[in-house]
Every structure is written in C-alpha cells, then in structure tokens.
Amino acid sequence: MDAGAPETVIRLDKWLWYARFFKTRSAASKAISAGRFRLDGQVMTKPHRQALCGQVLTFVQGDRVRVIKVVAIGTRRGPAPEAALLFEDLAPVEATPRKVAKTKPPEFEARGKGSGRPTKRQRRETDRLKTGLESDED
C-alpha cells in the first residue's frame, strides 16, 4: 500500500471503535467474540475480520437493535460528527422509544413524633431501669 493512500480495509473491532459504538477497542473485540454480531447476515466471532465499505453490520446496543451500513473506513477515532460519517443507520426509527419497566421506590410513611430513635435522656432512663437504679430527674 502507498503511504499516502487511504485505507480500504480495517479490522472490524477497530472500525467499531472509530465509529464510536464502543468506548474501547477491547470492549468491541469482546462483544464480537461473544458472537453477538452479524456481518452481512452471518454470525461472526472473530474481531479481526475486515470491515469493507458496503457491508451491513447487525448488533444489539443497549435496548435497540442496530443495523449499520459501513459507508467509509476511518483513519482515526475523531469527534462524534466525524464518526457519524463512517456509517449509515438502516434500522427503522421507532415511533415511541421502548421504555424499561421501572419499579417504584417504596414509599415510606412519616413516623410519628417519639417513635424514632430514643434520645440520650430516654436511653439513660432505660439503662437505669435495667440495672435497678432509681430514676433521678435532672
């Protein structure tokens, strides 16, 4: 290859990192090795596979299924607007985003006055009762 010519192929894990689908290249490599990716409809488990322009990549990211077409091969991990130029999103846009069912936090009732932790004075009185000493009022 010529030193000044742009690359036409790149490792898939590296491309996913360039396109900002993963924070680290090793995270992209682990996800591919787990077999959660399809490249042109075939399940893949090798992160060193080459990404070529025009290939379609399908994978799950968070709670959505991503269908991505490789449009360009990057030369670096640049800012997000630059990374967005590397792919075309083919997944249908959902009319309403899927909401994850969240459980409500338990609602606590306010305690009545005096039903909480005993005061220092009340604790001393309890100690005196337990030891059999007479209660001295201060």
N, C-alpha and C. Protein backbone atom coordinates (compact mmCIF):
# COMPACT_ATOMS: atom_id res chain seq x y z
N MET A 1 0.83 -1.19 0.00
CA MET A 1 0.00 0.00 0.00
C MET A 1 0.86 1.24 0.00
N ASP A 2 0.36 2.25 -0.63
CA ASP A 2 1.05 3.52 -0.66
C ASP A 2 0.84 4.23 0.68
N ALA A 3 1.87 4.89 1.17
CA ALA A 3 1.77 5.54 2.47
C ALA A 3 0.74 6.66 2.48
N GLY A 4 0.52 7.32 1.34
CA GLY A 4 -0.42 8.43 1.29
C GLY A 4 -1.84 8.01 0.93
N ALA A 5 -2.01 6.75 0.48
CA ALA A 5 -3.34 6.28 0.06
C ALA A 5 -4.19 5.96 1.28
N PRO A 6 -5.50 6.28 1.22
CA PRO A 6 -6.37 5.94 2.34
C PRO A 6 -6.60 4.44 2.41
N GLU A 7 -6.82 3.95 3.62
CA GLU A 7 -7.05 2.52 3.81
C GLU A 7 -8.40 2.12 3.22
N THR A 8 -8.47 0.92 2.66
CA THR A 8 -9.74 0.43 2.12
C THR A 8 -10.32 -0.67 2.98
N VAL A 9 -9.50 -1.28 3.83
CA VAL A 9 -9.98 -2.29 4.77
C VAL A 9 -9.41 -1.99 6.15
N ILE A 10 -10.12 -2.45 7.17
CA ILE A 10 -9.69 -2.23 8.55
C ILE A 10 -10.30 -3.34 9.40
N ARG A 11 -9.68 -3.65 10.51
CA ARG A 11 -10.26 -4.63 11.44
C ARG A 11 -11.61 -4.13 11.92
N LEU A 12 -12.55 -5.03 12.07
CA LEU A 12 -13.90 -4.64 12.46
C LEU A 12 -13.95 -4.03 13.85
N ASP A 13 -13.21 -4.59 14.81
CA ASP A 13 -13.23 -4.02 16.16
C ASP A 13 -12.66 -2.61 16.15
N LYS A 14 -11.68 -2.37 15.33
CA LYS A 14 -11.09 -1.03 15.23
C LYS A 14 -12.08 -0.06 14.59
N TRP A 15 -12.82 -0.52 13.56
CA TRP A 15 -13.81 0.34 12.90
C TRP A 15 -14.94 0.70 13.88
N LEU A 16 -15.40 -0.27 14.66
CA LEU A 16 -16.45 0.00 15.64
C LEU A 16 -16.00 1.03 16.67
N TRP A 17 -14.74 0.97 17.01
CA TRP A 17 -14.17 1.94 17.95
C TRP A 17 -14.07 3.31 17.29
N TYR A 18 -13.60 3.35 16.04
CA TYR A 18 -13.53 4.61 15.29
C TYR A 18 -14.92 5.25 15.16
N ALA A 19 -15.94 4.42 14.91
CA ALA A 19 -17.30 4.92 14.69
C ALA A 19 -18.01 5.22 16.01
N ARG A 20 -17.33 5.04 17.11
CA ARG A 20 -17.82 5.38 18.45
C ARG A 20 -19.02 4.55 18.90
N PHE A 21 -19.05 3.29 18.51
CA PHE A 21 -20.07 2.38 19.03
C PHE A 21 -19.61 1.79 20.36
N PHE A 22 -18.30 1.79 20.60
CA PHE A 22 -17.72 1.29 21.85
C PHE A 22 -16.69 2.28 22.36
N LYS A 23 -16.57 2.35 23.68
CA LYS A 23 -15.62 3.28 24.29
C LYS A 23 -14.18 2.82 24.11
N THR A 24 -13.97 1.50 24.08
CA THR A 24 -12.61 0.99 23.90
C THR A 24 -12.61 -0.08 22.81
N ARG A 25 -11.46 -0.27 22.22
CA ARG A 25 -11.33 -1.28 21.19
C ARG A 25 -11.45 -2.68 21.80
N SER A 26 -10.96 -2.85 23.01
CA SER A 26 -11.06 -4.16 23.65
C SER A 26 -12.51 -4.51 23.96
N ALA A 27 -13.34 -3.51 24.29
CA ALA A 27 -14.76 -3.77 24.53
C ALA A 27 -15.43 -4.22 23.23
N ALA A 28 -15.07 -3.61 22.12
CA ALA A 28 -15.62 -4.02 20.82
C ALA A 28 -15.16 -5.43 20.49
N SER A 29 -13.91 -5.73 20.76
CA SER A 29 -13.37 -7.06 20.49
C SER A 29 -14.08 -8.13 21.32
N LYS A 30 -14.34 -7.84 22.59
CA LYS A 30 -15.03 -8.80 23.46
C LYS A 30 -16.47 -9.03 22.99
N ALA A 31 -17.14 -7.96 22.57
CA ALA A 31 -18.53 -8.08 22.11
C ALA A 31 -18.61 -8.93 20.84
N ILE A 32 -17.66 -8.74 19.95
CA ILE A 32 -17.64 -9.54 18.71
C ILE A 32 -17.33 -10.99 19.05
N SER A 33 -16.37 -11.22 19.92
CA SER A 33 -16.00 -12.59 20.29
C SER A 33 -17.15 -13.34 20.96
N ALA A 34 -18.06 -12.61 21.59
CA ALA A 34 -19.21 -13.23 22.25
C ALA A 34 -20.25 -13.71 21.24
N GLY A 35 -20.08 -13.37 19.97
CA GLY A 35 -20.99 -13.85 18.93
C GLY A 35 -22.28 -13.07 18.82
N ARG A 36 -22.26 -11.82 19.21
CA ARG A 36 -23.47 -11.00 19.18
C ARG A 36 -23.56 -10.14 17.92
N PHE A 37 -22.69 -10.36 16.95
CA PHE A 37 -22.66 -9.55 15.75
C PHE A 37 -22.93 -10.39 14.51
N ARG A 38 -23.58 -9.77 13.54
CA ARG A 38 -23.78 -10.38 12.23
C ARG A 38 -23.21 -9.43 11.20
N LEU A 39 -22.40 -9.98 10.31
CA LEU A 39 -21.82 -9.21 9.22
C LEU A 39 -22.39 -9.78 7.94
N ASP A 40 -23.18 -8.98 7.25
CA ASP A 40 -23.89 -9.42 6.04
C ASP A 40 -24.71 -10.67 6.31
N GLY A 41 -25.33 -10.74 7.49
CA GLY A 41 -26.23 -11.84 7.84
C GLY A 41 -25.56 -13.05 8.44
N GLN A 42 -24.25 -13.09 8.51
CA GLN A 42 -23.55 -14.24 9.08
C GLN A 42 -23.03 -13.89 10.48
N VAL A 43 -23.28 -14.82 11.42
CA VAL A 43 -22.79 -14.61 12.78
C VAL A 43 -21.27 -14.65 12.75
N MET A 44 -20.66 -13.72 13.46
CA MET A 44 -19.20 -13.67 13.48
C MET A 44 -18.69 -13.65 14.90
N THR A 45 -17.54 -14.28 15.08
CA THR A 45 -16.92 -14.34 16.41
C THR A 45 -15.47 -13.91 16.37
N LYS A 46 -15.01 -13.41 15.24
CA LYS A 46 -13.60 -13.02 15.12
C LYS A 46 -13.48 -11.52 14.92
N PRO A 47 -12.93 -10.83 15.92
CA PRO A 47 -12.83 -9.37 15.82
C PRO A 47 -11.84 -8.89 14.77
N HIS A 48 -11.00 -9.78 14.28
CA HIS A 48 -10.02 -9.36 13.29
C HIS A 48 -10.55 -9.40 11.86
N ARG A 49 -11.83 -9.76 11.68
CA ARG A 49 -12.43 -9.72 10.34
C ARG A 49 -12.33 -8.32 9.79
N GLN A 50 -12.24 -8.23 8.49
CA GLN A 50 -12.08 -6.93 7.86
C GLN A 50 -13.44 -6.29 7.60
N ALA A 51 -13.50 -5.00 7.86
CA ALA A 51 -14.69 -4.22 7.54
C ALA A 51 -14.46 -3.56 6.20
N LEU A 52 -15.38 -3.77 5.28
CA LEU A 52 -15.28 -3.18 3.95
C LEU A 52 -16.46 -2.25 3.73
N CYS A 53 -16.29 -1.26 2.90
CA CYS A 53 -17.39 -0.36 2.57
C CYS A 53 -18.52 -1.15 1.93
N GLY A 54 -19.73 -0.86 2.34
CA GLY A 54 -20.90 -1.53 1.79
C GLY A 54 -21.40 -2.70 2.62
N GLN A 55 -20.63 -3.18 3.58
CA GLN A 55 -21.07 -4.28 4.42
C GLN A 55 -22.13 -3.80 5.41
N VAL A 56 -23.03 -4.73 5.76
CA VAL A 56 -24.09 -4.41 6.72
C VAL A 56 -23.80 -5.17 8.02
N LEU A 57 -23.82 -4.45 9.11
CA LEU A 57 -23.50 -4.99 10.42
C LEU A 57 -24.74 -4.87 11.30
N THR A 58 -25.12 -5.98 11.94
CA THR A 58 -26.29 -6.00 12.82
C THR A 58 -25.85 -6.43 14.22
N PHE A 59 -26.24 -5.65 15.22
CA PHE A 59 -25.90 -5.99 16.60
C PHE A 59 -26.85 -5.28 17.54
N VAL A 60 -26.86 -5.72 18.79
CA VAL A 60 -27.70 -5.11 19.82
C VAL A 60 -26.85 -4.15 20.63
N GLN A 61 -27.35 -2.94 20.79
CA GLN A 61 -26.65 -1.95 21.60
C GLN A 61 -27.66 -1.35 22.57
N GLY A 62 -27.48 -1.65 23.84
CA GLY A 62 -28.43 -1.18 24.84
C GLY A 62 -29.75 -1.92 24.67
N ASP A 63 -30.82 -1.18 24.42
CA ASP A 63 -32.12 -1.81 24.24
C ASP A 63 -32.60 -1.73 22.79
N ARG A 64 -31.72 -1.37 21.86
CA ARG A 64 -32.12 -1.33 20.46
C ARG A 64 -31.23 -2.19 19.58
N VAL A 65 -31.81 -2.64 18.49
CA VAL A 65 -31.07 -3.42 17.51
C VAL A 65 -30.53 -2.43 16.48
N ARG A 66 -29.23 -2.44 16.29
CA ARG A 66 -28.59 -1.53 15.34
C ARG A 66 -28.33 -2.28 14.04
N VAL A 67 -28.72 -1.69 12.93
CA VAL A 67 -28.41 -2.20 11.60
C VAL A 67 -27.63 -1.08 10.93
N ILE A 68 -26.36 -1.32 10.71
CA ILE A 68 -25.43 -0.29 10.26
C ILE A 68 -24.80 -0.71 8.93
N LYS A 69 -24.73 0.24 8.00
CA LYS A 69 -24.03 0.00 6.74
C LYS A 69 -22.72 0.78 6.80
N VAL A 70 -21.62 0.10 6.54
CA VAL A 70 -20.31 0.74 6.56
C VAL A 70 -20.20 1.59 5.31
N VAL A 71 -20.07 2.90 5.49
CA VAL A 71 -20.00 3.83 4.37
C VAL A 71 -18.56 4.22 4.07
N ALA A 72 -17.76 4.38 5.12
CA ALA A 72 -16.37 4.80 4.94
C ALA A 72 -15.50 4.12 5.98
N ILE A 73 -14.24 4.02 5.65
CA ILE A 73 -13.25 3.47 6.57
C ILE A 73 -12.52 4.66 7.19
N GLY A 74 -12.54 4.75 8.49
CA GLY A 74 -11.91 5.87 9.17
C GLY A 74 -10.41 5.71 9.25
N THR A 75 -9.75 6.81 9.54
CA THR A 75 -8.30 6.79 9.73
C THR A 75 -7.92 7.09 11.16
N ARG A 76 -8.92 7.51 11.95
CA ARG A 76 -8.65 7.82 13.36
C ARG A 76 -9.97 7.83 14.11
N ARG A 77 -9.90 7.84 15.43
CA ARG A 77 -11.10 7.99 16.26
C ARG A 77 -11.25 9.48 16.52
N GLY A 78 -12.08 10.10 15.73
CA GLY A 78 -12.26 11.54 15.82
C GLY A 78 -13.49 11.90 16.63
N PRO A 79 -13.92 13.15 16.51
CA PRO A 79 -15.11 13.58 17.23
C PRO A 79 -16.37 12.92 16.68
N ALA A 80 -17.46 13.00 17.43
CA ALA A 80 -18.70 12.33 17.06
C ALA A 80 -19.23 12.72 15.68
N PRO A 81 -19.20 14.01 15.28
CA PRO A 81 -19.68 14.34 13.94
C PRO A 81 -18.86 13.66 12.83
N GLU A 82 -17.58 13.50 13.06
CA GLU A 82 -16.72 12.82 12.10
C GLU A 82 -17.02 11.32 12.08
N ALA A 83 -17.29 10.75 13.25
CA ALA A 83 -17.59 9.33 13.35
C ALA A 83 -18.92 9.01 12.69
N ALA A 84 -19.88 9.94 12.72
CA ALA A 84 -21.19 9.71 12.11
C ALA A 84 -21.10 9.58 10.59
N LEU A 85 -20.04 10.07 10.00
CA LEU A 85 -19.86 9.98 8.55
C LEU A 85 -19.38 8.59 8.12
N LEU A 86 -18.98 7.75 9.05
CA LEU A 86 -18.46 6.44 8.73
C LEU A 86 -19.54 5.40 8.48
N PHE A 87 -20.78 5.66 8.89
CA PHE A 87 -21.83 4.65 8.77
C PHE A 87 -23.16 5.28 8.40
N GLU A 88 -24.06 4.42 7.95
CA GLU A 88 -25.45 4.81 7.69
C GLU A 88 -26.33 3.89 8.52
N ASP A 89 -27.23 4.48 9.28
CA ASP A 89 -28.11 3.70 10.16
C ASP A 89 -29.30 3.22 9.35
N LEU A 90 -29.45 1.90 9.19
CA LEU A 90 -30.53 1.31 8.41
C LEU A 90 -31.69 0.83 9.27
N ALA A 91 -31.56 0.88 10.57
CA ALA A 91 -32.61 0.40 11.48
C ALA A 91 -33.80 1.34 11.39
N PRO A 92 -35.01 0.78 11.40
CA PRO A 92 -36.19 1.65 11.35
C PRO A 92 -36.28 2.48 12.63
N VAL A 93 -36.70 3.71 12.46
CA VAL A 93 -36.84 4.60 13.61
C VAL A 93 -38.13 4.24 14.33
N GLU A 94 -38.03 4.00 15.62
CA GLU A 94 -39.20 3.65 16.41
C GLU A 94 -40.01 4.90 16.69
N ALA A 95 -41.33 4.79 16.55
CA ALA A 95 -42.20 5.94 16.79
C ALA A 95 -42.12 6.38 18.25
N THR A 96 -42.15 5.42 19.14
CA THR A 96 -42.01 5.73 20.56
C THR A 96 -40.89 4.84 21.09
N PRO A 97 -39.96 5.44 21.79
CA PRO A 97 -38.87 4.62 22.33
C PRO A 97 -39.40 3.62 23.35
N ARG A 98 -38.79 2.46 23.33
CA ARG A 98 -39.19 1.41 24.27
C ARG A 98 -38.77 1.82 25.67
N LYS A 99 -39.72 1.76 26.58
CA LYS A 99 -39.42 2.14 27.96
C LYS A 99 -39.21 0.88 28.78
N VAL A 100 -38.22 0.92 29.61
CA VAL A 100 -37.94 -0.18 30.50
C VAL A 100 -38.83 -0.01 31.73
N ALA A 101 -39.48 -1.08 32.09
CA ALA A 101 -40.37 -1.03 33.25
C ALA A 101 -39.53 -0.80 34.51
N LYS A 102 -39.81 0.28 35.16
CA LYS A 102 -39.07 0.60 36.38
C LYS A 102 -39.98 0.35 37.57
N THR A 103 -39.41 -0.19 38.60
CA THR A 103 -40.19 -0.41 39.81
C THR A 103 -40.16 0.88 40.62
N LYS A 104 -41.28 1.19 41.21
CA LYS A 104 -41.36 2.39 42.03
C LYS A 104 -40.59 2.16 43.32
N PRO A 105 -39.91 3.19 43.77
CA PRO A 105 -39.25 3.03 45.07
C PRO A 105 -40.31 2.92 46.15
N PRO A 106 -40.02 2.18 47.19
CA PRO A 106 -41.01 2.02 48.25
C PRO A 106 -41.32 3.38 48.88
N GLU A 107 -42.59 3.58 49.12
CA GLU A 107 -43.00 4.83 49.75
C GLU A 107 -43.02 4.64 51.27
N PHE A 108 -42.33 5.52 51.96
CA PHE A 108 -42.24 5.43 53.41
C PHE A 108 -43.21 6.40 54.04
N GLU A 109 -43.84 5.94 55.11
CA GLU A 109 -44.72 6.83 55.86
C GLU A 109 -43.90 7.57 56.90
N ALA A 110 -44.27 8.80 57.12
CA ALA A 110 -43.57 9.58 58.13
C ALA A 110 -43.88 9.00 59.51
N ARG A 111 -42.86 8.87 60.32
CA ARG A 111 -43.06 8.35 61.67
C ARG A 111 -43.65 9.43 62.55
N GLY A 112 -44.41 8.99 63.50
CA GLY A 112 -44.97 9.92 64.47
C GLY A 112 -43.89 10.39 65.41
N LYS A 113 -44.13 11.50 66.08
CA LYS A 113 -43.14 12.05 66.99
C LYS A 113 -42.92 11.10 68.15
N GLY A 114 -41.66 10.83 68.44
CA GLY A 114 -41.33 9.95 69.54
C GLY A 114 -41.25 8.48 69.17
N SER A 115 -41.50 8.12 67.92
CA SER A 115 -41.46 6.72 67.55
C SER A 115 -40.14 6.34 66.88
N GLY A 116 -39.22 7.28 66.84
CA GLY A 116 -37.93 7.01 66.21
C GLY A 116 -36.90 6.55 67.21
N ARG A 117 -35.69 6.91 66.98
CA ARG A 117 -34.58 6.54 67.84
C ARG A 117 -34.70 7.26 69.18
N PRO A 118 -34.40 6.55 70.27
CA PRO A 118 -34.55 7.22 71.57
C PRO A 118 -33.50 8.31 71.76
N THR A 119 -33.88 9.31 72.53
CA THR A 119 -32.93 10.38 72.84
C THR A 119 -31.95 9.88 73.88
N LYS A 120 -30.92 10.68 74.10
CA LYS A 120 -29.91 10.30 75.08
C LYS A 120 -30.53 10.17 76.47
N ARG A 121 -31.45 11.06 76.78
CA ARG A 121 -32.10 11.04 78.10
C ARG A 121 -32.95 9.78 78.26
N GLN A 122 -33.70 9.43 77.20
CA GLN A 122 -34.53 8.22 77.25
C GLN A 122 -33.66 6.97 77.37
N ARG A 123 -32.52 6.96 76.70
CA ARG A 123 -31.63 5.81 76.78
C ARG A 123 -31.06 5.65 78.18
N ARG A 124 -30.70 6.74 78.81
CA ARG A 124 -30.19 6.67 80.19
C ARG A 124 -31.25 6.16 81.16
N GLU A 125 -32.49 6.62 80.95
CA GLU A 125 -33.57 6.14 81.81
C GLU A 125 -33.79 4.65 81.63
N THR A 126 -33.69 4.18 80.40
CA THR A 126 -33.86 2.75 80.14
C THR A 126 -32.73 1.96 80.79
N ASP A 127 -31.50 2.48 80.73
CA ASP A 127 -30.36 1.81 81.36
C ASP A 127 -30.54 1.73 82.87
N ARG A 128 -31.07 2.81 83.47
CA ARG A 128 -31.29 2.81 84.92
C ARG A 128 -32.34 1.79 85.32
N LEU A 129 -33.40 1.66 84.51
CA LEU A 129 -34.43 0.68 84.80
C LEU A 129 -33.89 -0.74 84.71
N LYS A 130 -33.04 -0.99 83.73
CA LYS A 130 -32.48 -2.33 83.54
C LYS A 130 -31.52 -2.71 84.66
N THR A 131 -30.80 -1.74 85.18
CA THR A 131 -29.81 -2.04 86.24
C THR A 131 -30.42 -1.95 87.62
N GLY A 132 -31.66 -1.50 87.72
CA GLY A 132 -32.34 -1.46 89.01
C GLY A 132 -32.07 -0.20 89.79
N LEU A 133 -31.44 0.80 89.18
CA LEU A 133 -31.21 2.05 89.88
C LEU A 133 -32.47 2.90 89.82
N GLU A 134 -32.57 3.77 90.79
CA GLU A 134 -33.72 4.66 90.81
C GLU A 134 -33.55 5.74 89.76
N SER A 135 -34.65 6.21 89.24
CA SER A 135 -34.65 7.23 88.21
C SER A 135 -34.45 8.59 88.85
N ASP A 136 -33.36 9.26 88.54
CA ASP A 136 -33.11 10.63 89.01
C ASP A 136 -33.50 11.59 87.93
N GLU A 137 -34.38 12.50 88.24
CA GLU A 137 -34.74 13.54 87.29
C GLU A 137 -33.71 14.64 87.36
N ASP A 138 -33.23 15.05 86.25
CA ASP A 138 -32.22 16.13 86.20
C ASP A 138 -32.86 17.48 86.20
